[in-house]
Amino acid sequence: MKRILGIIVLMLLQSCNSELRGLEKPDNLIPKDQMIDLMTDMLILEGHIQTTYSTVNRYYKVMTASGRYYLKSKHITEKQYEDSFVYYTSTHEDYKVMLEKVMENLQKESIELQKKP
C-alpha cells in the first residue's frame, strides 16, 4: 500500500509541472470515470507484479506486457491512455479529484480483500 501511495504522490507532483498546463483536450480522451477505473486497475496490477517479481528487468517486462494486454482488453490503445493521462495531469484540480477517487477505490478493494477468509 505504501508503494501505491508513493506512486500516486509522484503522479500528483507530476501534475504540478507548469509546462503541461494549457494542453488541449485530445480527440481520443478517455472519460474521467473510465480513466479513474483504469488508473485503479493499473495500480492494483502494478502492486501485484511488484510483489511477485523482485528484479527490475523482469518486473518492467511483465508490467509492460500486462499493461498492454489490460488496455487492449478494454479496447484502449496505449497512445489513448498516455494522451489522456498527460491531459488529466495537466489539469491540477481535476487530477487531484481523480486521484482521491482512485484512493477511495483502492481502499474499498483493500477492505473487500480483508473480508475474504
N, C-alpha and C. Protein backbone atom coordinates (compact mmCIF):
# COMPACT_ATOMS: atom_id res chain seq x y z
N MET A 1 0.82 -1.18 0.00
CA MET A 1 0.00 0.00 0.00
C MET A 1 0.87 1.26 0.00
N LYS A 2 2.03 1.18 0.69
CA LYS A 2 2.93 2.33 0.71
C LYS A 2 3.45 2.65 -0.68
N ARG A 3 3.73 1.60 -1.46
CA ARG A 3 4.23 1.81 -2.83
C ARG A 3 3.16 2.49 -3.68
N ILE A 4 1.93 2.04 -3.53
CA ILE A 4 0.83 2.62 -4.31
C ILE A 4 0.67 4.09 -3.94
N LEU A 5 0.71 4.39 -2.65
CA LEU A 5 0.59 5.77 -2.21
C LEU A 5 1.75 6.60 -2.76
N GLY A 6 2.95 6.02 -2.78
CA GLY A 6 4.11 6.72 -3.33
C GLY A 6 3.94 7.03 -4.81
N ILE A 7 3.37 6.07 -5.55
CA ILE A 7 3.14 6.27 -6.97
C ILE A 7 2.14 7.41 -7.18
N ILE A 8 1.10 7.41 -6.38
CA ILE A 8 0.08 8.45 -6.51
C ILE A 8 0.66 9.82 -6.19
N VAL A 9 1.50 9.89 -5.17
CA VAL A 9 2.15 11.16 -4.82
C VAL A 9 3.03 11.63 -5.98
N LEU A 10 3.76 10.71 -6.58
CA LEU A 10 4.60 11.08 -7.73
C LEU A 10 3.75 11.59 -8.89
N MET A 11 2.60 10.94 -9.12
CA MET A 11 1.71 11.40 -10.19
C MET A 11 1.18 12.80 -9.87
N LEU A 12 0.87 13.03 -8.61
CA LEU A 12 0.38 14.34 -8.20
C LEU A 12 1.45 15.41 -8.40
N LEU A 13 2.68 15.09 -8.06
CA LEU A 13 3.77 16.04 -8.26
C LEU A 13 3.98 16.33 -9.74
N GLN A 14 3.83 15.29 -10.55
CA GLN A 14 3.97 15.48 -11.99
C GLN A 14 2.90 16.44 -12.51
N SER A 15 1.74 16.40 -11.89
CA SER A 15 0.65 17.25 -12.36
C SER A 15 0.93 18.73 -12.10
N CYS A 16 1.88 19.02 -11.22
CA CYS A 16 2.22 20.40 -10.91
C CYS A 16 3.14 21.03 -11.95
N ASN A 17 3.62 20.26 -12.89
CA ASN A 17 4.55 20.74 -13.89
C ASN A 17 3.91 21.84 -14.73
N SER A 18 4.47 23.02 -14.66
CA SER A 18 3.87 24.18 -15.35
C SER A 18 3.92 24.05 -16.87
N GLU A 19 4.84 23.26 -17.40
CA GLU A 19 4.92 23.10 -18.85
C GLU A 19 3.70 22.37 -19.40
N LEU A 20 3.05 21.58 -18.57
CA LEU A 20 1.91 20.81 -19.04
C LEU A 20 0.61 21.61 -19.03
N ARG A 21 0.58 22.71 -18.35
CA ARG A 21 -0.65 23.49 -18.24
C ARG A 21 -1.07 24.01 -19.62
N GLY A 22 -2.37 24.05 -19.83
CA GLY A 22 -2.89 24.58 -21.06
C GLY A 22 -2.90 23.60 -22.22
N LEU A 23 -2.73 22.33 -21.95
CA LEU A 23 -2.79 21.36 -23.03
C LEU A 23 -4.21 21.29 -23.58
N GLU A 24 -4.28 21.11 -24.88
CA GLU A 24 -5.60 20.96 -25.50
C GLU A 24 -6.11 19.55 -25.23
N LYS A 25 -7.43 19.45 -25.12
CA LYS A 25 -8.06 18.16 -24.88
C LYS A 25 -7.85 17.28 -26.11
N PRO A 26 -7.27 16.09 -25.93
CA PRO A 26 -7.06 15.21 -27.09
C PRO A 26 -8.39 14.69 -27.64
N ASP A 27 -8.40 14.39 -28.93
CA ASP A 27 -9.60 13.86 -29.57
C ASP A 27 -10.00 12.51 -28.98
N ASN A 28 -9.01 11.75 -28.57
CA ASN A 28 -9.25 10.40 -28.08
C ASN A 28 -9.31 10.32 -26.55
N LEU A 29 -9.69 11.42 -25.90
CA LEU A 29 -9.69 11.49 -24.44
C LEU A 29 -10.62 10.45 -23.83
N ILE A 30 -10.09 9.73 -22.85
CA ILE A 30 -10.86 8.76 -22.10
C ILE A 30 -11.67 9.53 -21.06
N PRO A 31 -12.98 9.26 -20.95
CA PRO A 31 -13.79 9.96 -19.95
C PRO A 31 -13.24 9.76 -18.54
N LYS A 32 -13.43 10.77 -17.68
CA LYS A 32 -12.86 10.75 -16.33
C LYS A 32 -13.20 9.49 -15.55
N ASP A 33 -14.47 9.10 -15.53
CA ASP A 33 -14.87 7.93 -14.75
C ASP A 33 -14.15 6.67 -15.23
N GLN A 34 -14.05 6.52 -16.53
CA GLN A 34 -13.35 5.36 -17.08
C GLN A 34 -11.86 5.44 -16.78
N MET A 35 -11.30 6.64 -16.85
CA MET A 35 -9.87 6.82 -16.56
C MET A 35 -9.58 6.49 -15.10
N ILE A 36 -10.47 6.87 -14.21
CA ILE A 36 -10.29 6.55 -12.78
C ILE A 36 -10.27 5.04 -12.59
N ASP A 37 -11.19 4.34 -13.25
CA ASP A 37 -11.22 2.88 -13.15
C ASP A 37 -9.94 2.26 -13.73
N LEU A 38 -9.48 2.79 -14.85
CA LEU A 38 -8.25 2.28 -15.46
C LEU A 38 -7.05 2.51 -14.55
N MET A 39 -6.95 3.71 -14.00
CA MET A 39 -5.83 4.02 -13.11
C MET A 39 -5.85 3.12 -11.87
N THR A 40 -7.04 2.88 -11.33
CA THR A 40 -7.17 2.00 -10.17
C THR A 40 -6.69 0.60 -10.52
N ASP A 41 -7.19 0.06 -11.63
CA ASP A 41 -6.81 -1.29 -12.04
C ASP A 41 -5.32 -1.39 -12.35
N MET A 42 -4.77 -0.36 -12.98
CA MET A 42 -3.33 -0.39 -13.30
C MET A 42 -2.49 -0.37 -12.03
N LEU A 43 -2.91 0.37 -11.02
CA LEU A 43 -2.16 0.39 -9.77
C LEU A 43 -2.25 -0.94 -9.04
N ILE A 44 -3.41 -1.57 -9.09
CA ILE A 44 -3.56 -2.90 -8.50
C ILE A 44 -2.67 -3.89 -9.23
N LEU A 45 -2.69 -3.83 -10.55
CA LEU A 45 -1.85 -4.70 -11.37
C LEU A 45 -0.38 -4.47 -11.05
N GLU A 46 0.01 -3.22 -10.98
CA GLU A 46 1.41 -2.91 -10.69
C GLU A 46 1.82 -3.39 -9.30
N GLY A 47 0.94 -3.22 -8.32
CA GLY A 47 1.24 -3.69 -6.98
C GLY A 47 1.44 -5.19 -6.94
N HIS A 48 0.59 -5.92 -7.66
CA HIS A 48 0.73 -7.38 -7.70
C HIS A 48 2.05 -7.79 -8.37
N ILE A 49 2.35 -7.18 -9.49
CA ILE A 49 3.57 -7.52 -10.22
C ILE A 49 4.79 -7.15 -9.40
N GLN A 50 4.74 -6.02 -8.73
CA GLN A 50 5.87 -5.56 -7.92
C GLN A 50 6.18 -6.54 -6.79
N THR A 51 5.15 -7.11 -6.19
CA THR A 51 5.39 -8.06 -5.10
C THR A 51 5.78 -9.44 -5.62
N THR A 52 5.44 -9.73 -6.86
CA THR A 52 5.73 -11.05 -7.44
C THR A 52 7.13 -11.13 -8.04
N TYR A 53 7.57 -10.07 -8.69
CA TYR A 53 8.85 -10.07 -9.40
C TYR A 53 9.81 -9.10 -8.73
N SER A 54 10.91 -9.65 -8.25
CA SER A 54 11.84 -8.81 -7.48
C SER A 54 12.87 -8.09 -8.35
N THR A 55 13.22 -8.65 -9.49
CA THR A 55 14.22 -7.98 -10.32
C THR A 55 13.56 -6.92 -11.20
N VAL A 56 14.21 -5.80 -11.31
CA VAL A 56 13.66 -4.67 -12.06
C VAL A 56 13.42 -5.04 -13.51
N ASN A 57 14.35 -5.72 -14.13
CA ASN A 57 14.22 -6.07 -15.54
C ASN A 57 12.99 -6.95 -15.77
N ARG A 58 12.81 -7.96 -14.93
CA ARG A 58 11.66 -8.85 -15.07
C ARG A 58 10.36 -8.10 -14.76
N TYR A 59 10.37 -7.30 -13.72
CA TYR A 59 9.20 -6.50 -13.34
C TYR A 59 8.78 -5.61 -14.50
N TYR A 60 9.74 -4.91 -15.10
CA TYR A 60 9.45 -4.00 -16.20
C TYR A 60 8.81 -4.73 -17.37
N LYS A 61 9.39 -5.87 -17.74
CA LYS A 61 8.86 -6.63 -18.88
C LYS A 61 7.44 -7.13 -18.62
N VAL A 62 7.23 -7.67 -17.42
CA VAL A 62 5.90 -8.20 -17.09
C VAL A 62 4.89 -7.08 -16.98
N MET A 63 5.26 -5.97 -16.36
CA MET A 63 4.34 -4.84 -16.21
C MET A 63 3.97 -4.26 -17.56
N THR A 64 4.94 -4.11 -18.44
CA THR A 64 4.68 -3.57 -19.76
C THR A 64 3.73 -4.48 -20.54
N ALA A 65 4.02 -5.76 -20.56
CA ALA A 65 3.17 -6.71 -21.29
C ALA A 65 1.78 -6.79 -20.67
N SER A 66 1.71 -6.83 -19.36
CA SER A 66 0.42 -6.92 -18.67
C SER A 66 -0.41 -5.66 -18.87
N GLY A 67 0.24 -4.50 -18.79
CA GLY A 67 -0.44 -3.24 -19.01
C GLY A 67 -1.01 -3.14 -20.41
N ARG A 68 -0.21 -3.55 -21.39
CA ARG A 68 -0.68 -3.53 -22.78
C ARG A 68 -1.88 -4.46 -22.96
N TYR A 69 -1.77 -5.66 -22.40
CA TYR A 69 -2.86 -6.63 -22.51
C TYR A 69 -4.13 -6.10 -21.84
N TYR A 70 -3.98 -5.50 -20.67
CA TYR A 70 -5.13 -4.95 -19.95
C TYR A 70 -5.81 -3.86 -20.76
N LEU A 71 -5.02 -2.92 -21.28
CA LEU A 71 -5.60 -1.84 -22.08
C LEU A 71 -6.29 -2.39 -23.33
N LYS A 72 -5.65 -3.36 -23.96
CA LYS A 72 -6.23 -3.97 -25.15
C LYS A 72 -7.57 -4.63 -24.82
N SER A 73 -7.65 -5.27 -23.66
CA SER A 73 -8.90 -5.93 -23.26
C SER A 73 -10.02 -4.91 -23.04
N LYS A 74 -9.65 -3.67 -22.76
CA LYS A 74 -10.62 -2.59 -22.56
C LYS A 74 -10.84 -1.78 -23.84
N HIS A 75 -10.20 -2.22 -24.94
CA HIS A 75 -10.31 -1.55 -26.25
C HIS A 75 -9.76 -0.13 -26.20
N ILE A 76 -8.63 0.01 -25.52
CA ILE A 76 -7.96 1.31 -25.39
C ILE A 76 -6.52 1.13 -25.86
N THR A 77 -6.06 2.06 -26.68
CA THR A 77 -4.69 1.99 -27.14
C THR A 77 -3.76 2.62 -26.10
N GLU A 78 -2.50 2.24 -26.17
CA GLU A 78 -1.51 2.84 -25.27
C GLU A 78 -1.46 4.36 -25.47
N LYS A 79 -1.51 4.77 -26.73
CA LYS A 79 -1.46 6.20 -27.04
C LYS A 79 -2.65 6.93 -26.43
N GLN A 80 -3.83 6.33 -26.54
CA GLN A 80 -5.02 6.95 -25.97
C GLN A 80 -4.88 7.08 -24.45
N TYR A 81 -4.37 6.04 -23.80
CA TYR A 81 -4.17 6.08 -22.35
C TYR A 81 -3.14 7.15 -21.98
N GLU A 82 -2.02 7.16 -22.71
CA GLU A 82 -0.96 8.14 -22.43
C GLU A 82 -1.44 9.56 -22.67
N ASP A 83 -2.11 9.80 -23.80
CA ASP A 83 -2.63 11.14 -24.10
C ASP A 83 -3.60 11.61 -23.02
N SER A 84 -4.48 10.71 -22.61
CA SER A 84 -5.47 11.04 -21.58
C SER A 84 -4.78 11.30 -20.25
N PHE A 85 -3.80 10.47 -19.91
CA PHE A 85 -3.08 10.62 -18.65
C PHE A 85 -2.35 11.96 -18.61
N VAL A 86 -1.66 12.30 -19.67
CA VAL A 86 -0.93 13.57 -19.73
C VAL A 86 -1.91 14.74 -19.63
N TYR A 87 -3.03 14.65 -20.33
CA TYR A 87 -4.01 15.73 -20.29
C TYR A 87 -4.55 15.91 -18.87
N TYR A 88 -4.95 14.81 -18.25
CA TYR A 88 -5.53 14.92 -16.91
C TYR A 88 -4.51 15.41 -15.88
N THR A 89 -3.25 15.03 -16.03
CA THR A 89 -2.23 15.52 -15.09
C THR A 89 -1.97 17.01 -15.28
N SER A 90 -2.34 17.54 -16.44
CA SER A 90 -2.13 18.97 -16.68
C SER A 90 -3.26 19.82 -16.08
N THR A 91 -4.33 19.18 -15.68
CA THR A 91 -5.44 19.90 -15.05
C THR A 91 -5.41 19.56 -13.56
N HIS A 92 -4.67 20.33 -12.83
CA HIS A 92 -4.33 20.03 -11.43
C HIS A 92 -5.54 19.68 -10.57
N GLU A 93 -6.55 20.51 -10.55
CA GLU A 93 -7.70 20.27 -9.66
C GLU A 93 -8.48 19.03 -10.06
N ASP A 94 -8.72 18.87 -11.36
CA ASP A 94 -9.42 17.67 -11.82
C ASP A 94 -8.63 16.42 -11.49
N TYR A 95 -7.34 16.48 -11.71
CA TYR A 95 -6.48 15.32 -11.46
C TYR A 95 -6.45 14.98 -9.97
N LYS A 96 -6.44 16.00 -9.14
CA LYS A 96 -6.45 15.78 -7.69
C LYS A 96 -7.72 15.03 -7.28
N VAL A 97 -8.86 15.44 -7.82
CA VAL A 97 -10.13 14.77 -7.53
C VAL A 97 -10.08 13.33 -8.04
N MET A 98 -9.51 13.14 -9.22
CA MET A 98 -9.40 11.80 -9.78
C MET A 98 -8.55 10.90 -8.88
N LEU A 99 -7.43 11.43 -8.39
CA LEU A 99 -6.56 10.65 -7.51
C LEU A 99 -7.26 10.30 -6.20
N GLU A 100 -8.05 11.21 -5.70
CA GLU A 100 -8.81 10.93 -4.48
C GLU A 100 -9.78 9.78 -4.72
N LYS A 101 -10.42 9.76 -5.88
CA LYS A 101 -11.34 8.67 -6.21
C LYS A 101 -10.60 7.35 -6.41
N VAL A 102 -9.41 7.42 -6.99
CA VAL A 102 -8.59 6.22 -7.14
C VAL A 102 -8.25 5.67 -5.76
N MET A 103 -7.86 6.54 -4.85
CA MET A 103 -7.54 6.11 -3.48
C MET A 103 -8.76 5.49 -2.81
N GLU A 104 -9.93 6.08 -2.99
CA GLU A 104 -11.16 5.51 -2.43
C GLU A 104 -11.39 4.11 -2.99
N ASN A 105 -11.21 3.95 -4.30
CA ASN A 105 -11.38 2.64 -4.93
C ASN A 105 -10.40 1.62 -4.36
N LEU A 106 -9.15 2.04 -4.17
CA LEU A 106 -8.15 1.13 -3.62
C LEU A 106 -8.47 0.76 -2.18
N GLN A 107 -8.96 1.70 -1.41
CA GLN A 107 -9.35 1.40 -0.03
C GLN A 107 -10.52 0.43 0.00
N LYS A 108 -11.52 0.63 -0.86
CA LYS A 108 -12.65 -0.29 -0.93
C LYS A 108 -12.18 -1.69 -1.30
N GLU A 109 -11.29 -1.77 -2.27
CA GLU A 109 -10.74 -3.06 -2.70
C GLU A 109 -9.99 -3.73 -1.56
N SER A 110 -9.23 -2.96 -0.83
CA SER A 110 -8.47 -3.48 0.30
C SER A 110 -9.42 -4.03 1.39
N ILE A 111 -10.48 -3.30 1.66
CA ILE A 111 -11.46 -3.75 2.67
C ILE A 111 -12.12 -5.05 2.19
N GLU A 112 -12.48 -5.13 0.92
CA GLU A 112 -13.09 -6.36 0.39
C GLU A 112 -12.14 -7.54 0.48
N LEU A 113 -10.87 -7.33 0.21
CA LEU A 113 -9.89 -8.40 0.31
C LEU A 113 -9.70 -8.86 1.76
N GLN A 114 -9.76 -7.93 2.69
CA GLN A 114 -9.60 -8.27 4.10
C GLN A 114 -10.79 -9.07 4.62
N LYS A 115 -11.96 -8.88 4.02
CA LYS A 115 -13.17 -9.61 4.45
C LYS A 115 -13.13 -11.07 4.03
N LYS A 116 -12.41 -11.36 2.94
CA LYS A 116 -12.34 -12.74 2.45
C LYS A 116 -11.53 -13.60 3.42
N PRO A 117 -12.03 -14.82 3.68
CA PRO A 117 -11.31 -15.70 4.62
C PRO A 117 -10.03 -16.24 4.05
